[in-house]
PDB file of N, CA and C in Angstrom:
ATOM      1  N   MET A   1      36.271 -72.161  12.262  1.00  0.00           N
ATOM      2  CA  MET A   1      37.137 -71.168  12.868  1.00  0.00           C
ATOM      3  C   MET A   1      36.379 -69.861  13.006  1.00  0.00           C
ATOM      4  N   HIS A   2      36.503 -69.210  14.135  1.00  0.00           N
ATOM      5  CA  HIS A   2      35.832 -67.956  14.417  1.00  0.00           C
ATOM      6  C   HIS A   2      36.725 -66.806  13.972  1.00  0.00           C
ATOM      7  N   ALA A   3      36.175 -65.925  13.147  1.00  0.00           N
ATOM      8  CA  ALA A   3      36.947 -64.789  12.660  1.00  0.00           C
ATOM      9  C   ALA A   3      37.122 -63.767  13.774  1.00  0.00           C
ATOM     10  N   PRO A   4      38.322 -63.191  13.900  1.00  0.00           N
ATOM     11  CA  PRO A   4      38.525 -62.166  14.928  1.00  0.00           C
ATOM     12  C   PRO A   4      37.636 -60.954  14.659  1.00  0.00           C
ATOM     13  N   ASN A   5      37.126 -60.367  15.732  1.00  0.00           N
ATOM     14  CA  ASN A   5      36.271 -59.185  15.650  1.00  0.00           C
ATOM     15  C   ASN A   5      34.995 -59.404  14.847  1.00  0.00           C
ATOM     16  N   ALA A   6      34.584 -60.653  14.681  1.00  0.00           N
ATOM     17  CA  ALA A   6      33.323 -60.929  13.998  1.00  0.00           C
ATOM     18  C   ALA A   6      32.181 -60.510  14.917  1.00  0.00           C
ATOM     19  N   PRO A   7      31.106 -59.966  14.345  1.00  0.00           N
ATOM     20  CA  PRO A   7      29.976 -59.575  15.192  1.00  0.00           C
ATOM     21  C   PRO A   7      29.344 -60.801  15.846  1.00  0.00           C
ATOM     22  N   PRO A   8      28.745 -60.624  17.034  1.00  0.00           N
ATOM     23  CA  PRO A   8      28.115 -61.763  17.683  1.00  0.00           C
ATOM     24  C   PRO A   8      26.933 -62.272  16.864  1.00  0.00           C
ATOM     25  N   LYS A   9      26.621 -63.528  17.039  1.00  0.00           N
ATOM     26  CA  LYS A   9      25.546 -64.162  16.288  1.00  0.00           C
ATOM     27  C   LYS A   9      24.200 -63.846  16.929  1.00  0.00           C
ATOM     28  N   LYS A  10      23.239 -63.443  16.098  1.00  0.00           N
ATOM     29  CA  LYS A  10      21.884 -63.176  16.561  1.00  0.00           C
ATOM     30  C   LYS A  10      21.128 -64.500  16.614  1.00  0.00           C
ATOM     31  N   LEU A  11      20.459 -64.763  17.746  1.00  0.00           N
ATOM     32  CA  LEU A  11      19.790 -66.039  17.969  1.00  0.00           C
ATOM     33  C   LEU A  11      18.298 -65.830  18.195  1.00  0.00           C
ATOM     34  N   ARG A  12      17.479 -66.747  17.713  1.00  0.00           N
ATOM     35  CA  ARG A  12      16.025 -66.726  17.952  1.00  0.00           C
ATOM     36  C   ARG A  12      15.756 -67.666  19.110  1.00  0.00           C
ATOM     37  N   LYS A  13      15.290 -67.116  20.241  1.00  0.00           N
ATOM     38  CA  LYS A  13      15.117 -67.883  21.470  1.00  0.00           C
ATOM     39  C   LYS A  13      13.697 -67.730  22.007  1.00  0.00           C
ATOM     40  N   GLN A  14      13.378 -68.515  23.043  1.00  0.00           N
ATOM     41  CA  GLN A  14      12.052 -68.434  23.654  1.00  0.00           C
ATOM     42  C   GLN A  14      12.157 -68.638  25.157  1.00  0.00           C
ATOM     43  N   PHE A  15      11.147 -68.127  25.867  1.00  0.00           N
ATOM     44  CA  PHE A  15      11.083 -68.291  27.318  1.00  0.00           C
ATOM     45  C   PHE A  15       9.624 -68.418  27.711  1.00  0.00           C
ATOM     46  N   SER A  16       9.319 -69.373  28.583  1.00  0.00           N
ATOM     47  CA  SER A  16       7.962 -69.572  29.103  1.00  0.00           C
ATOM     48  C   SER A  16       7.956 -69.292  30.592  1.00  0.00           C
ATOM     49  N   ASN A  17       6.943 -68.570  31.045  1.00  0.00           N
ATOM     50  CA  ASN A  17       6.797 -68.231  32.456  1.00  0.00           C
ATOM     51  C   ASN A  17       5.732 -69.129  33.073  1.00  0.00           C
ATOM     52  N   THR A  18       6.161 -70.090  33.869  1.00  0.00           N
ATOM     53  CA  THR A  18       5.237 -71.000  34.540  1.00  0.00           C
ATOM     54  C   THR A  18       5.193 -70.775  36.040  1.00  0.00           C
ATOM     55  N   SER A  19       6.007 -69.856  36.568  1.00  0.00           N
ATOM     56  CA  SER A  19       6.197 -69.773  38.020  1.00  0.00           C
ATOM     57  C   SER A  19       5.765 -68.477  38.687  1.00  0.00           C
ATOM     58  N   TYR A  20       5.744 -67.366  37.978  1.00  0.00           N
ATOM     59  CA  TYR A  20       5.538 -66.068  38.614  1.00  0.00           C
ATOM     60  C   TYR A  20       4.389 -65.323  37.940  1.00  0.00           C
ATOM     61  N   PRO A  21       3.714 -64.407  38.672  1.00  0.00           N
ATOM     62  CA  PRO A  21       2.646 -63.620  38.029  1.00  0.00           C
ATOM     63  C   PRO A  21       3.154 -62.861  36.798  1.00  0.00           C
ATOM     64  N   LEU A  22       4.400 -62.392  36.859  1.00  0.00           N
ATOM     65  CA  LEU A  22       5.012 -61.688  35.740  1.00  0.00           C
ATOM     66  C   LEU A  22       6.521 -61.887  35.799  1.00  0.00           C
ATOM     67  N   VAL A  23       7.116 -62.127  34.650  1.00  0.00           N
ATOM     68  CA  VAL A  23       8.577 -62.164  34.513  1.00  0.00           C
ATOM     69  C   VAL A  23       8.951 -61.083  33.512  1.00  0.00           C
ATOM     70  N   VAL A  24      10.019 -60.360  33.820  1.00  0.00           N
ATOM     71  CA  VAL A  24      10.544 -59.359  32.899  1.00  0.00           C
ATOM     72  C   VAL A  24      11.959 -59.780  32.525  1.00  0.00           C
ATOM     73  N   LEU A  25      12.196 -59.918  31.224  1.00  0.00           N
ATOM     74  CA  LEU A  25      13.542 -60.176  30.719  1.00  0.00           C
ATOM     75  C   LEU A  25      14.178 -58.821  30.440  1.00  0.00           C
ATOM     76  N   LYS A  26      15.294 -58.542  31.103  1.00  0.00           N
ATOM     77  CA  LYS A  26      15.997 -57.268  30.935  1.00  0.00           C
ATOM     78  C   LYS A  26      17.283 -57.527  30.162  1.00  0.00           C
ATOM     79  N   PHE A  27      17.409 -56.889  28.998  1.00  0.00           N
ATOM     80  CA  PHE A  27      18.538 -57.098  28.109  1.00  0.00           C
ATOM     81  C   PHE A  27      19.600 -56.032  28.327  1.00  0.00           C
ATOM     82  N   GLU A  28      20.829 -56.336  27.923  1.00  0.00           N
ATOM     83  CA  GLU A  28      21.953 -55.421  28.119  1.00  0.00           C
ATOM     84  C   GLU A  28      21.736 -54.062  27.469  1.00  0.00           C
ATOM     85  N   ASP A  29      21.012 -54.021  26.349  1.00  0.00           N
ATOM     86  CA  ASP A  29      20.793 -52.746  25.667  1.00  0.00           C
ATOM     87  C   ASP A  29      19.688 -51.919  26.316  1.00  0.00           C
ATOM     88  N   GLY A  30      19.073 -52.451  27.388  1.00  0.00           N
ATOM     89  CA  GLY A  30      18.071 -51.707  28.137  1.00  0.00           C
ATOM     90  C   GLY A  30      16.635 -52.070  27.833  1.00  0.00           C
ATOM     91  N   HIS A  31      16.371 -52.805  26.757  1.00  0.00           N
ATOM     92  CA  HIS A  31      14.974 -53.130  26.485  1.00  0.00           C
ATOM     93  C   HIS A  31      14.501 -54.277  27.365  1.00  0.00           C
ATOM     94  N   GLU A  32      13.194 -54.345  27.545  1.00  0.00           N
ATOM     95  CA  GLU A  32      12.586 -55.334  28.428  1.00  0.00           C
ATOM     96  C   GLU A  32      11.446 -56.039  27.709  1.00  0.00           C
ATOM     97  N   ILE A  33      11.241 -57.304  28.060  1.00  0.00           N
ATOM     98  CA  ILE A  33      10.114 -58.075  27.553  1.00  0.00           C
ATOM     99  C   ILE A  33       9.353 -58.605  28.753  1.00  0.00           C
ATOM    100  N   LYS A  34       8.039 -58.318  28.796  1.00  0.00           N
ATOM    101  CA  LYS A  34       7.181 -58.794  29.875  1.00  0.00           C
ATOM    102  C   LYS A  34       6.510 -60.095  29.447  1.00  0.00           C
ATOM    103  N   ILE A  35       6.533 -61.079  30.357  1.00  0.00           N
ATOM    104  CA  ILE A  35       5.927 -62.375  30.079  1.00  0.00           C
ATOM    105  C   ILE A  35       5.052 -62.746  31.279  1.00  0.00           C
ATOM    106  N   TYR A  36       3.743 -62.732  31.075  1.00  0.00           N
ATOM    107  CA  TYR A  36       2.817 -63.053  32.155  1.00  0.00           C
ATOM    108  C   TYR A  36       2.748 -64.558  32.379  1.00  0.00           C
ATOM    109  N   GLN A  37       2.366 -64.947  33.596  1.00  0.00           N
ATOM    110  CA  GLN A  37       2.318 -66.361  33.975  1.00  0.00           C
ATOM    111  C   GLN A  37       1.416 -67.136  33.021  1.00  0.00           C
ATOM    112  N   GLY A  38       1.881 -68.308  32.633  1.00  0.00           N
ATOM    113  CA  GLY A  38       1.131 -69.175  31.731  1.00  0.00           C
ATOM    114  C   GLY A  38       1.322 -68.839  30.267  1.00  0.00           C
ATOM    115  N   THR A  39       2.224 -67.900  29.968  1.00  0.00           N
ATOM    116  CA  THR A  39       2.490 -67.539  28.575  1.00  0.00           C
ATOM    117  C   THR A  39       3.982 -67.626  28.298  1.00  0.00           C
ATOM    118  N   GLY A  40       4.334 -67.453  27.057  1.00  0.00           N
ATOM    119  CA  GLY A  40       5.732 -67.449  26.654  1.00  0.00           C
ATOM    120  C   GLY A  40       5.943 -66.459  25.530  1.00  0.00           C
ATOM    121  N   LYS A  41       7.177 -66.150  25.254  1.00  0.00           N
ATOM    122  CA  LYS A  41       7.522 -65.219  24.176  1.00  0.00           C
ATOM    123  C   LYS A  41       8.730 -65.731  23.422  1.00  0.00           C
ATOM    124  N   VAL A  42       8.772 -65.395  22.153  1.00  0.00           N
ATOM    125  CA  VAL A  42       9.925 -65.642  21.296  1.00  0.00           C
ATOM    126  C   VAL A  42      10.622 -64.298  21.099  1.00  0.00           C
ATOM    127  N   PHE A  43      11.937 -64.299  21.123  1.00  0.00           N
ATOM    128  CA  PHE A  43      12.689 -63.045  21.031  1.00  0.00           C
ATOM    129  C   PHE A  43      14.052 -63.306  20.410  1.00  0.00           C
ATOM    130  N   ASP A  44      14.703 -62.229  20.017  1.00  0.00           N
ATOM    131  CA  ASP A  44      16.069 -62.301  19.495  1.00  0.00           C
ATOM    132  C   ASP A  44      17.040 -61.942  20.604  1.00  0.00           C
ATOM    133  N   ALA A  45      18.129 -62.658  20.689  1.00  0.00           N
ATOM    134  CA  ALA A  45      19.202 -62.373  21.640  1.00  0.00           C
ATOM    135  C   ALA A  45      20.525 -62.598  20.928  1.00  0.00           C
ATOM    136  N   TRP A  46      21.552 -61.978  21.440  1.00  0.00           N
ATOM    137  CA  TRP A  46      22.890 -62.145  20.880  1.00  0.00           C
ATOM    138  C   TRP A  46      23.631 -63.222  21.666  1.00  0.00           C
ATOM    139  N   ALA A  47      24.437 -63.993  20.986  1.00  0.00           N
ATOM    140  CA  ALA A  47      25.263 -64.999  21.660  1.00  0.00           C
ATOM    141  C   ALA A  47      26.135 -64.283  22.684  1.00  0.00           C
ATOM    142  N   GLY A  48      26.112 -64.756  23.908  1.00  0.00           N
ATOM    143  CA  GLY A  48      26.919 -64.171  24.968  1.00  0.00           C
ATOM    144  C   GLY A  48      26.282 -62.990  25.680  1.00  0.00           C
ATOM    145  N   GLU A  49      25.183 -62.468  25.156  1.00  0.00           N
ATOM    146  CA  GLU A  49      24.492 -61.356  25.817  1.00  0.00           C
ATOM    147  C   GLU A  49      23.924 -61.833  27.152  1.00  0.00           C
ATOM    148  N   ARG A  50      24.064 -61.012  28.183  1.00  0.00           N
ATOM    149  CA  ARG A  50      23.536 -61.363  29.497  1.00  0.00           C
ATOM    150  C   ARG A  50      22.120 -60.800  29.645  1.00  0.00           C
ATOM    151  N   VAL A  51      21.185 -61.685  29.995  1.00  0.00           N
ATOM    152  CA  VAL A  51      19.787 -61.304  30.161  1.00  0.00           C
ATOM    153  C   VAL A  51      19.396 -61.575  31.606  1.00  0.00           C
ATOM    154  N   LYS A  52      18.864 -60.560  32.268  1.00  0.00           N
ATOM    155  CA  LYS A  52      18.389 -60.732  33.644  1.00  0.00           C
ATOM    156  C   LYS A  52      16.938 -61.174  33.612  1.00  0.00           C
ATOM    157  N   ILE A  53      16.636 -62.248  34.346  1.00  0.00           N
ATOM    158  CA  ILE A  53      15.272 -62.737  34.482  1.00  0.00           C
ATOM    159  C   ILE A  53      14.765 -62.226  35.827  1.00  0.00           C
ATOM    160  N   MET A  54      13.801 -61.303  35.779  1.00  0.00           N
ATOM    161  CA  MET A  54      13.280 -60.653  36.972  1.00  0.00           C
ATOM    162  C   MET A  54      11.851 -61.128  37.231  1.00  0.00           C
ATOM    163  N   ALA A  55      11.547 -61.514  38.472  1.00  0.00           N
ATOM    164  CA  ALA A  55      10.207 -61.936  38.847  1.00  0.00           C
ATOM    165  C   ALA A  55       9.477 -60.778  39.512  1.00  0.00           C
ATOM    166  N   VAL A  56       8.217 -60.604  39.137  1.00  0.00           N
ATOM    167  CA  VAL A  56       7.358 -59.602  39.761  1.00  0.00           C
ATOM    168  C   VAL A  56       6.259 -60.369  40.475  1.00  0.00           C
ATOM    169  N   HIS A  57       6.292 -60.354  41.790  1.00  0.00           N
ATOM    170  CA  HIS A  57       5.312 -61.097  42.580  1.00  0.00           C
ATOM    171  C   HIS A  57       4.025 -60.312  42.773  1.00  0.00           C
ATOM    172  N   ASP A  58       4.141 -58.987  42.891  1.00  0.00           N
ATOM    173  CA  ASP A  58       2.995 -58.106  43.106  1.00  0.00           C
ATOM    174  C   ASP A  58       2.991 -57.080  41.981  1.00  0.00           C
ATOM    175  N   LEU A  59       1.979 -57.148  41.114  1.00  0.00           N
ATOM    176  CA  LEU A  59       1.953 -56.285  39.938  1.00  0.00           C
ATOM    177  C   LEU A  59       1.782 -54.807  40.283  1.00  0.00           C
ATOM    178  N   THR A  60       1.367 -54.497  41.517  1.00  0.00           N
ATOM    179  CA  THR A  60       1.202 -53.101  41.924  1.00  0.00           C
ATOM    180  C   THR A  60       2.460 -52.545  42.587  1.00  0.00           C
ATOM    181  N   ALA A  61       3.427 -53.405  42.874  1.00  0.00           N
ATOM    182  CA  ALA A  61       4.656 -52.982  43.558  1.00  0.00           C
ATOM    183  C   ALA A  61       5.758 -52.669  42.549  1.00  0.00           C
ATOM    184  N   LYS A  62       6.730 -51.924  42.992  1.00  0.00           N
ATOM    185  CA  LYS A  62       7.881 -51.571  42.147  1.00  0.00           C
ATOM    186  C   LYS A  62       9.049 -52.535  42.335  1.00  0.00           C
ATOM    187  N   GLU A  63       8.938 -53.451  43.289  1.00  0.00           N
ATOM    188  CA  GLU A  63      10.049 -54.354  43.590  1.00  0.00           C
ATOM    189  C   GLU A  63      10.019 -55.582  42.679  1.00  0.00           C
ATOM    190  N   TRP A  64      11.196 -55.878  42.133  1.00  0.00           N
ATOM    191  CA  TRP A  64      11.381 -57.050  41.300  1.00  0.00           C
ATOM    192  C   TRP A  64      12.480 -57.895  41.919  1.00  0.00           C
ATOM    193  N   GLU A  65      12.341 -59.209  41.784  1.00  0.00           N
ATOM    194  CA  GLU A  65      13.341 -60.139  42.313  1.00  0.00           C
ATOM    195  C   GLU A  65      14.176 -60.693  41.165  1.00  0.00           C
ATOM    196  N   LEU A  66      15.501 -60.604  41.305  1.00  0.00           N
ATOM    197  CA  LEU A  66      16.379 -61.207  40.310  1.00  0.00           C
ATOM    198  C   LEU A  66      16.361 -62.716  40.508  1.00  0.00           C
ATOM    199  N   VAL A  67      15.852 -63.431  39.524  1.00  0.00           N
ATOM    200  CA  VAL A  67      15.783 -64.889  39.573  1.00  0.00           C
ATOM    201  C   VAL A  67      17.075 -65.491  39.058  1.00  0.00           C
ATOM    202  N   GLU A  68      17.565 -64.928  37.953  1.00  0.00           N
ATOM    203  CA  GLU A  68      18.745 -65.496  37.302  1.00  0.00           C
ATOM    204  C   GLU A  68      19.278 -64.510  36.272  1.00  0.00           C
ATOM    205  N   THR A  69      20.572 -64.556  36.033  1.00  0.00           N
ATOM    206  CA  THR A  69      21.181 -63.888  34.887  1.00  0.00           C
ATOM    207  C   THR A  69      21.675 -64.989  33.969  1.00  0.00           C
ATOM    208  N   ARG A  70      21.207 -64.948  32.720  1.00  0.00           N
ATOM    209  CA  ARG A  70      21.481 -66.045  31.788  1.00  0.00           C
ATOM    210  C   ARG A  70      22.020 -65.484  30.476  1.00  0.00           C
ATOM    211  N   ALA A  71      22.984 -66.165  29.893  1.00  0.00           N
ATOM    212  CA  ALA A  71      23.502 -65.779  28.573  1.00  0.00           C
ATOM    213  C   ALA A  71      22.423 -66.048  27.520  1.00  0.00           C
ATOM    214  N   GLY A  72      22.363 -65.174  26.531  1.00  0.00           N
ATOM    215  CA  GLY A  72      21.354 -65.296  25.481  1.00  0.00           C
ATOM    216  C   GLY A  72      21.334 -66.651  24.807  1.00  0.00           C
ATOM    217  N   ASP A  73      22.487 -67.254  24.638  1.00  0.00           N
ATOM    218  CA  ASP A  73      22.535 -68.562  23.963  1.00  0.00           C
ATOM    219  C   ASP A  73      22.105 -69.712  24.876  1.00  0.00           C
ATOM    220  N   ARG A  74      21.813 -69.447  26.151  1.00  0.00           N
ATOM    221  CA  ARG A  74      21.403 -70.495  27.084  1.00  0.00           C
ATOM    222  C   ARG A  74      19.874 -70.643  27.188  1.00  0.00           C
ATOM    223  N   PHE A  75      19.125 -69.785  26.507  1.00  0.00           N
ATOM    224  CA  PHE A  75      17.676 -69.929  26.458  1.00  0.00           C
ATOM    225  C   PHE A  75      17.315 -71.007  25.448  1.00  0.00           C
ATOM    226  N   ASP A  76      16.112 -71.557  25.572  1.00  0.00           N
ATOM    227  CA  ASP A  76      15.651 -72.564  24.619  1.00  0.00           C
ATOM    228  C   ASP A  76      15.534 -71.952  23.240  1.00  0.00           C
ATOM    229  N   ASP A  77      15.881 -72.739  22.218  1.00  0.00           N
ATOM    230  CA  ASP A  77      15.713 -72.290  20.839  1.00  0.00           C
ATOM    231  C   ASP A  77      14.229 -72.122  20.555  1.00  0.00           C
ATOM    232  N   ALA A  78      13.893 -71.105  19.754  1.00  0.00           N
ATOM    233  CA  ALA A  78      12.502 -70.892  19.361  1.00  0.00           C
ATOM    234  C   ALA A  78      12.060 -72.036  18.467  1.00  0.00           C
ATOM    235  N   SER A  79      10.828 -72.465  18.663  1.00  0.00           N
ATOM    236  CA  SER A  79      10.308 -73.579  17.853  1.00  0.00           C
ATOM    237  C   SER A  79       9.203 -73.081  16.943  1.00  0.00           C
ATOM    238  N   GLY A  80       9.128 -73.639  15.765  1.00  0.00           N
ATOM    239  CA  GLY A  80       8.057 -73.301  14.823  1.00  0.00           C
ATOM    240  C   GLY A  80       8.112 -71.868  14.348  1.00  0.00           C
ATOM    241  N   ASP A  81       6.934 -71.330  14.042  1.00  0.00           N
ATOM    242  CA  ASP A  81       6.822 -69.984  13.482  1.00  0.00           C
ATOM    243  C   ASP A  81       6.334 -68.985  14.512  1.00  0.00           C
ATOM    244  N   THR A  82       6.480 -69.281  15.812  1.00  0.00           N
ATOM    245  CA  THR A  82       5.955 -68.386  16.834  1.00  0.00           C
ATOM    246  C   THR A  82       6.733 -67.116  16.945  1.00  0.00           C
TER     247      THR A  82
END
């Protein structure tokens, strides 16, 4: 049973960038995580938090493409000690 007004659960998640020169994960609290192509990152997210996945095609340009908005609990669980 979920307690009313219980704080959201903090989750350890991961994301790998295999498609774009750079992906930026933009979190609701305003912080960002940069993930270059061929790499991945482990991060903390809150259950239900909305994270924007932004693709940067040209590293010298200011334009970013919104690829997807995903809930924090929908990312892959972090594996191992990474």
